[in-house]
Amino acid sequence: MMIFIWAEDLNHGIGFKGHLPWHLSSDMKFFKRMTTGNTLVSGSRTFLTYGKPLPHRKNIVLTTNRQKQYPEGVLVLHSVDDLLTYQEHHPEETIFISGGAKVFASLLPYVDELVRTRIDHEFEVDTYMPTIDYSLFELVSSEPGVVDEKSPYPHFFDRFTRK
């Protein structure tokens, strides 16, 4: 199973200058809870924002750059076909896709579920989530996140499954 996991603002913005434009503690905890024990795929720039392989997850970087070196234990795949072959050989794994925009766009035809944190705020962004045809998906749950000093913006955790 392949699942997109991301956070976006009211304008579908997902990044600014290579980083998240916000800090929501509850979203970070949600991301950790959802992805721990699973396989996490990210593009090279998204992986760099983590600073290191995320613990208790199988970390995969999807990149066309064959020169860049990654920390020990990080699996590097170089194409969508490589990832689809990996998925075919590891059907027991739940594969979470964490971005960035190019990775989401290239894998959109293959994703089974969408896990979106929808932030009820507009931020300065330079990177947007690719357009998703939500008519192909069914909203199965939507839960409000906790708003407090560490998570100051109203936000919702939405989960969709492909119809």
C-alpha atoms as a PDB file:
ATOM      1  CA  MET A   1       0.000   0.000   0.000  1.00  0.00           C
ATOM      2  CA  MET A   2       1.258   3.445  -0.943  1.00  0.00           C
ATOM      3  CA  ILE A   3       0.127   6.466   1.087  1.00  0.00           C
ATOM      4  CA  PHE A   4       0.866  10.158   0.595  1.00  0.00           C
ATOM      5  CA  ILE A   5       1.408  12.055   3.849  1.00  0.00           C
ATOM      6  CA  TRP A   6       1.768  15.841   3.817  1.00  0.00           C
ATOM      7  CA  ALA A   7       0.628  19.133   5.309  1.00  0.00           C
ATOM      8  CA  GLU A   8      -0.682  22.031   3.248  1.00  0.00           C
ATOM      9  CA  ASP A   9      -2.037  25.510   3.820  1.00  0.00           C
ATOM     10  CA  LEU A  10      -5.270  27.000   2.444  1.00  0.00           C
ATOM     11  CA  ASN A  11      -3.626  27.534  -0.971  1.00  0.00           C
ATOM     12  CA  HIS A  12      -2.125  24.010  -1.148  1.00  0.00           C
ATOM     13  CA  GLY A  13       1.295  25.380  -0.235  1.00  0.00           C
ATOM     14  CA  ILE A  14       3.691  22.777   1.162  1.00  0.00           C
ATOM     15  CA  GLY A  15       7.086  24.475   1.344  1.00  0.00           C
ATOM     16  CA  PHE A  16       9.115  27.647   1.438  1.00  0.00           C
ATOM     17  CA  LYS A  17      12.841  27.837   0.647  1.00  0.00           C
ATOM     18  CA  GLY A  18      13.235  24.094   1.155  1.00  0.00           C
ATOM     19  CA  HIS A  19      11.453  23.884   4.509  1.00  0.00           C
ATOM     20  CA  LEU A  20       7.978  23.747   5.985  1.00  0.00           C
ATOM     21  CA  PRO A  21       6.608  27.297   6.285  1.00  0.00           C
ATOM     22  CA  TRP A  22       5.128  26.491   9.713  1.00  0.00           C
ATOM     23  CA  HIS A  23       5.789  24.530  12.870  1.00  0.00           C
ATOM     24  CA  LEU A  24       2.894  22.535  14.255  1.00  0.00           C
ATOM     25  CA  SER A  25       3.904  20.218  17.063  1.00  0.00           C
ATOM     26  CA  SER A  26       0.698  18.202  16.761  1.00  0.00           C
ATOM     27  CA  ASP A  27       1.354  17.612  13.047  1.00  0.00           C
ATOM     28  CA  MET A  28       4.912  16.438  13.775  1.00  0.00           C
ATOM     29  CA  LYS A  29       3.546  13.995  16.377  1.00  0.00           C
ATOM     30  CA  PHE A  30       0.884  12.818  13.920  1.00  0.00           C
ATOM     31  CA  PHE A  31       3.526  12.277  11.207  1.00  0.00           C
ATOM     32  CA  LYS A  32       5.696  10.307  13.623  1.00  0.00           C
ATOM     33  CA  ARG A  33       2.765   8.164  14.803  1.00  0.00           C
ATOM     34  CA  MET A  34       1.639   7.413  11.238  1.00  0.00           C
ATOM     35  CA  THR A  35       5.056   6.600   9.752  1.00  0.00           C
ATOM     36  CA  THR A  36       6.857   4.832  12.632  1.00  0.00           C
ATOM     37  CA  GLY A  37       7.305   1.150  11.863  1.00  0.00           C
ATOM     38  CA  ASN A  38       6.704   1.722   8.163  1.00  0.00           C
ATOM     39  CA  THR A  39       8.647   2.618   5.035  1.00  0.00           C
ATOM     40  CA  LEU A  40       9.162   6.326   4.352  1.00  0.00           C
ATOM     41  CA  VAL A  41       9.991   7.546   0.838  1.00  0.00           C
ATOM     42  CA  SER A  42      11.156  11.091   0.210  1.00  0.00           C
ATOM     43  CA  GLY A  43      12.905  13.006  -2.503  1.00  0.00           C
ATOM     44  CA  SER A  44      16.468  14.134  -1.870  1.00  0.00           C
ATOM     45  CA  ARG A  45      15.559  17.675  -0.788  1.00  0.00           C
ATOM     46  CA  THR A  46      12.808  16.487   1.555  1.00  0.00           C
ATOM     47  CA  PHE A  47      15.198  13.935   3.046  1.00  0.00           C
ATOM     48  CA  LEU A  48      17.738  16.707   3.682  1.00  0.00           C
ATOM     49  CA  THR A  49      15.177  18.594   5.784  1.00  0.00           C
ATOM     50  CA  TYR A  50      15.081  15.640   8.202  1.00  0.00           C
ATOM     51  CA  GLY A  51      18.808  16.031   8.858  1.00  0.00           C
ATOM     52  CA  LYS A  52      19.244  12.257   9.264  1.00  0.00           C
ATOM     53  CA  PRO A  53      17.363   9.030   8.592  1.00  0.00           C
ATOM     54  CA  LEU A  54      14.211   9.054  10.697  1.00  0.00           C
ATOM     55  CA  PRO A  55      14.353   6.385  13.410  1.00  0.00           C
ATOM     56  CA  HIS A  56      12.140   3.300  13.510  1.00  0.00           C
ATOM     57  CA  ARG A  57      11.346   3.600   9.808  1.00  0.00           C
ATOM     58  CA  LYS A  58      12.859   2.201   6.642  1.00  0.00           C
ATOM     59  CA  ASN A  59      14.146   5.337   4.887  1.00  0.00           C
ATOM     60  CA  ILE A  60      14.141   5.424   1.084  1.00  0.00           C
ATOM     61  CA  VAL A  61      15.307   8.375  -1.013  1.00  0.00           C
ATOM     62  CA  LEU A  62      13.887   8.634  -4.524  1.00  0.00           C
ATOM     63  CA  THR A  63      16.303  10.664  -6.646  1.00  0.00           C
ATOM     64  CA  THR A  64      17.683  10.757 -10.168  1.00  0.00           C
ATOM     65  CA  ASN A  65      21.053  11.941  -8.797  1.00  0.00           C
ATOM     66  CA  ARG A  66      23.348   8.909  -8.829  1.00  0.00           C
ATOM     67  CA  GLN A  67      26.343  10.800  -7.390  1.00  0.00           C
ATOM     68  CA  LYS A  68      25.006  11.937  -4.008  1.00  0.00           C
ATOM     69  CA  GLN A  69      25.844   9.782  -1.018  1.00  0.00           C
ATOM     70  CA  TYR A  70      23.367   9.074   1.778  1.00  0.00           C
ATOM     71  CA  PRO A  71      23.859   7.750   5.311  1.00  0.00           C
ATOM     72  CA  GLU A  72      24.256   4.043   5.879  1.00  0.00           C
ATOM     73  CA  GLY A  73      20.943   2.241   5.995  1.00  0.00           C
ATOM     74  CA  VAL A  74      19.192   4.599   3.572  1.00  0.00           C
ATOM     75  CA  LEU A  75      18.001   2.830   0.438  1.00  0.00           C
ATOM     76  CA  VAL A  76      18.369   4.969  -2.690  1.00  0.00           C
ATOM     77  CA  LEU A  77      16.098   4.349  -5.667  1.00  0.00           C
ATOM     78  CA  HIS A  78      16.442   6.240  -8.935  1.00  0.00           C
ATOM     79  CA  SER A  79      13.046   6.041 -10.651  1.00  0.00           C
ATOM     80  CA  VAL A  80       9.345   5.510 -10.153  1.00  0.00           C
ATOM     81  CA  ASP A  81       9.781   2.098 -11.784  1.00  0.00           C
ATOM     82  CA  ASP A  82      12.429   1.217  -9.162  1.00  0.00           C
ATOM     83  CA  LEU A  83       9.998   2.129  -6.389  1.00  0.00           C
ATOM     84  CA  LEU A  84       7.129   0.184  -7.983  1.00  0.00           C
ATOM     85  CA  THR A  85       9.421  -2.854  -8.297  1.00  0.00           C
ATOM     86  CA  TYR A  86      10.426  -2.424  -4.648  1.00  0.00           C
ATOM     87  CA  GLN A  87       6.751  -2.262  -3.656  1.00  0.00           C
ATOM     88  CA  GLU A  88       5.987  -5.380  -5.697  1.00  0.00           C
ATOM     89  CA  HIS A  89       8.743  -7.290  -3.863  1.00  0.00           C
ATOM     90  CA  HIS A  90       7.685  -5.983  -0.418  1.00  0.00           C
ATOM     91  CA  PRO A  91       3.870  -6.250  -0.446  1.00  0.00           C
ATOM     92  CA  GLU A  92       3.757  -6.466   3.345  1.00  0.00           C
ATOM     93  CA  GLU A  93       5.162  -2.945   3.743  1.00  0.00           C
ATOM     94  CA  THR A  94       3.096   0.203   4.071  1.00  0.00           C
ATOM     95  CA  ILE A  95       4.939   2.852   2.078  1.00  0.00           C
ATOM     96  CA  PHE A  96       4.452   6.473   3.093  1.00  0.00           C
ATOM     97  CA  ILE A  97       5.445   9.135   0.558  1.00  0.00           C
ATOM     98  CA  SER A  98       6.483  12.398   2.245  1.00  0.00           C
ATOM     99  CA  GLY A  99       7.346  14.560  -0.759  1.00  0.00           C
ATOM    100  CA  GLY A 100       8.446  16.770  -2.251  1.00  0.00           C
ATOM    101  CA  ALA A 101       6.201  18.066  -4.971  1.00  0.00           C
ATOM    102  CA  LYS A 102       8.002  16.263  -7.835  1.00  0.00           C
ATOM    103  CA  VAL A 103       7.837  12.941  -5.985  1.00  0.00           C
ATOM    104  CA  PHE A 104       4.130  13.422  -5.238  1.00  0.00           C
ATOM    105  CA  ALA A 105       3.421  14.302  -8.881  1.00  0.00           C
ATOM    106  CA  SER A 106       5.288  11.277 -10.218  1.00  0.00           C
ATOM    107  CA  LEU A 107       3.561   8.844  -7.854  1.00  0.00           C
ATOM    108  CA  LEU A 108       0.016  10.232  -7.967  1.00  0.00           C
ATOM    109  CA  PRO A 109      -1.249   7.518 -10.359  1.00  0.00           C
ATOM    110  CA  TYR A 110      -0.122   4.781  -7.925  1.00  0.00           C
ATOM    111  CA  VAL A 111      -1.186   6.101  -4.518  1.00  0.00           C
ATOM    112  CA  ASP A 112      -3.839   4.182  -2.560  1.00  0.00           C
ATOM    113  CA  GLU A 113      -4.486   6.629   0.286  1.00  0.00           C
ATOM    114  CA  LEU A 114      -3.998  10.299   1.082  1.00  0.00           C
ATOM    115  CA  VAL A 115      -3.203  11.523   4.587  1.00  0.00           C
ATOM    116  CA  ARG A 116      -3.351  15.304   4.570  1.00  0.00           C
ATOM    117  CA  THR A 117      -2.919  17.807   7.342  1.00  0.00           C
ATOM    118  CA  ARG A 118      -5.029  20.757   6.217  1.00  0.00           C
ATOM    119  CA  ILE A 119      -3.915  23.979   7.914  1.00  0.00           C
ATOM    120  CA  ASP A 120      -6.533  26.713   8.096  1.00  0.00           C
ATOM    121  CA  HIS A 121      -4.058  29.521   7.405  1.00  0.00           C
ATOM    122  CA  GLU A 122      -2.177  31.104   4.479  1.00  0.00           C
ATOM    123  CA  PHE A 123       1.617  31.121   4.567  1.00  0.00           C
ATOM    124  CA  GLU A 124       4.350  32.498   2.327  1.00  0.00           C
ATOM    125  CA  VAL A 125       5.185  29.500   0.132  1.00  0.00           C
ATOM    126  CA  ASP A 126       7.100  28.712  -3.038  1.00  0.00           C
ATOM    127  CA  THR A 127       6.182  25.040  -3.402  1.00  0.00           C
ATOM    128  CA  TYR A 128       2.690  23.638  -3.894  1.00  0.00           C
ATOM    129  CA  MET A 129       1.078  20.230  -3.710  1.00  0.00           C
ATOM    130  CA  PRO A 130       0.373  18.901  -7.203  1.00  0.00           C
ATOM    131  CA  THR A 131      -3.288  19.007  -8.206  1.00  0.00           C
ATOM    132  CA  ILE A 132      -5.141  15.945  -6.955  1.00  0.00           C
ATOM    133  CA  ASP A 133      -8.433  14.838  -8.493  1.00  0.00           C
ATOM    134  CA  TYR A 134     -10.301  14.250  -5.244  1.00  0.00           C
ATOM    135  CA  SER A 135     -13.227  12.725  -7.182  1.00  0.00           C
ATOM    136  CA  LEU A 136     -11.026   9.603  -7.392  1.00  0.00           C
ATOM    137  CA  PHE A 137     -10.846   9.411  -3.588  1.00  0.00           C
ATOM    138  CA  GLU A 138     -13.295   9.133  -0.726  1.00  0.00           C
ATOM    139  CA  LEU A 139     -12.862  11.089   2.497  1.00  0.00           C
ATOM    140  CA  VAL A 140     -13.007   8.446   5.242  1.00  0.00           C
ATOM    141  CA  SER A 141     -12.038  10.550   8.254  1.00  0.00           C
ATOM    142  CA  SER A 142     -11.326  14.122   9.311  1.00  0.00           C
ATOM    143  CA  GLU A 143     -10.198  14.989  12.815  1.00  0.00           C
ATOM    144  CA  PRO A 144      -9.330  18.412  14.192  1.00  0.00           C
ATOM    145  CA  GLY A 145      -5.818  18.841  15.536  1.00  0.00           C
ATOM    146  CA  VAL A 146      -5.149  20.382  18.926  1.00  0.00           C
ATOM    147  CA  VAL A 147      -4.591  24.136  18.770  1.00  0.00           C
ATOM    148  CA  ASP A 148      -2.247  25.405  21.480  1.00  0.00           C
ATOM    149  CA  GLU A 149       0.965  27.429  21.879  1.00  0.00           C
ATOM    150  CA  LYS A 150       2.981  24.742  20.026  1.00  0.00           C
ATOM    151  CA  SER A 151       0.371  24.333  17.286  1.00  0.00           C
ATOM    152  CA  PRO A 152      -1.132  27.817  16.891  1.00  0.00           C
ATOM    153  CA  TYR A 153      -3.155  27.331  13.675  1.00  0.00           C
ATOM    154  CA  PRO A 154      -6.407  25.407  13.295  1.00  0.00           C
ATOM    155  CA  HIS A 155      -5.695  22.207  11.377  1.00  0.00           C
ATOM    156  CA  PHE A 156      -7.370  18.946  10.416  1.00  0.00           C
ATOM    157  CA  PHE A 157      -6.089  15.461   9.749  1.00  0.00           C
ATOM    158  CA  ASP A 158      -7.921  14.174   6.652  1.00  0.00           C
ATOM    159  CA  ARG A 159      -7.684  10.630   5.334  1.00  0.00           C
ATOM    160  CA  PHE A 160      -8.852   9.601   1.868  1.00  0.00           C
ATOM    161  CA  THR A 161      -8.916   6.202   0.160  1.00  0.00           C
ATOM    162  CA  ARG A 162      -8.937   5.634  -3.569  1.00  0.00           C
ATOM    163  CA  LYS A 163     -12.409   4.697  -4.841  1.00  0.00           C
END
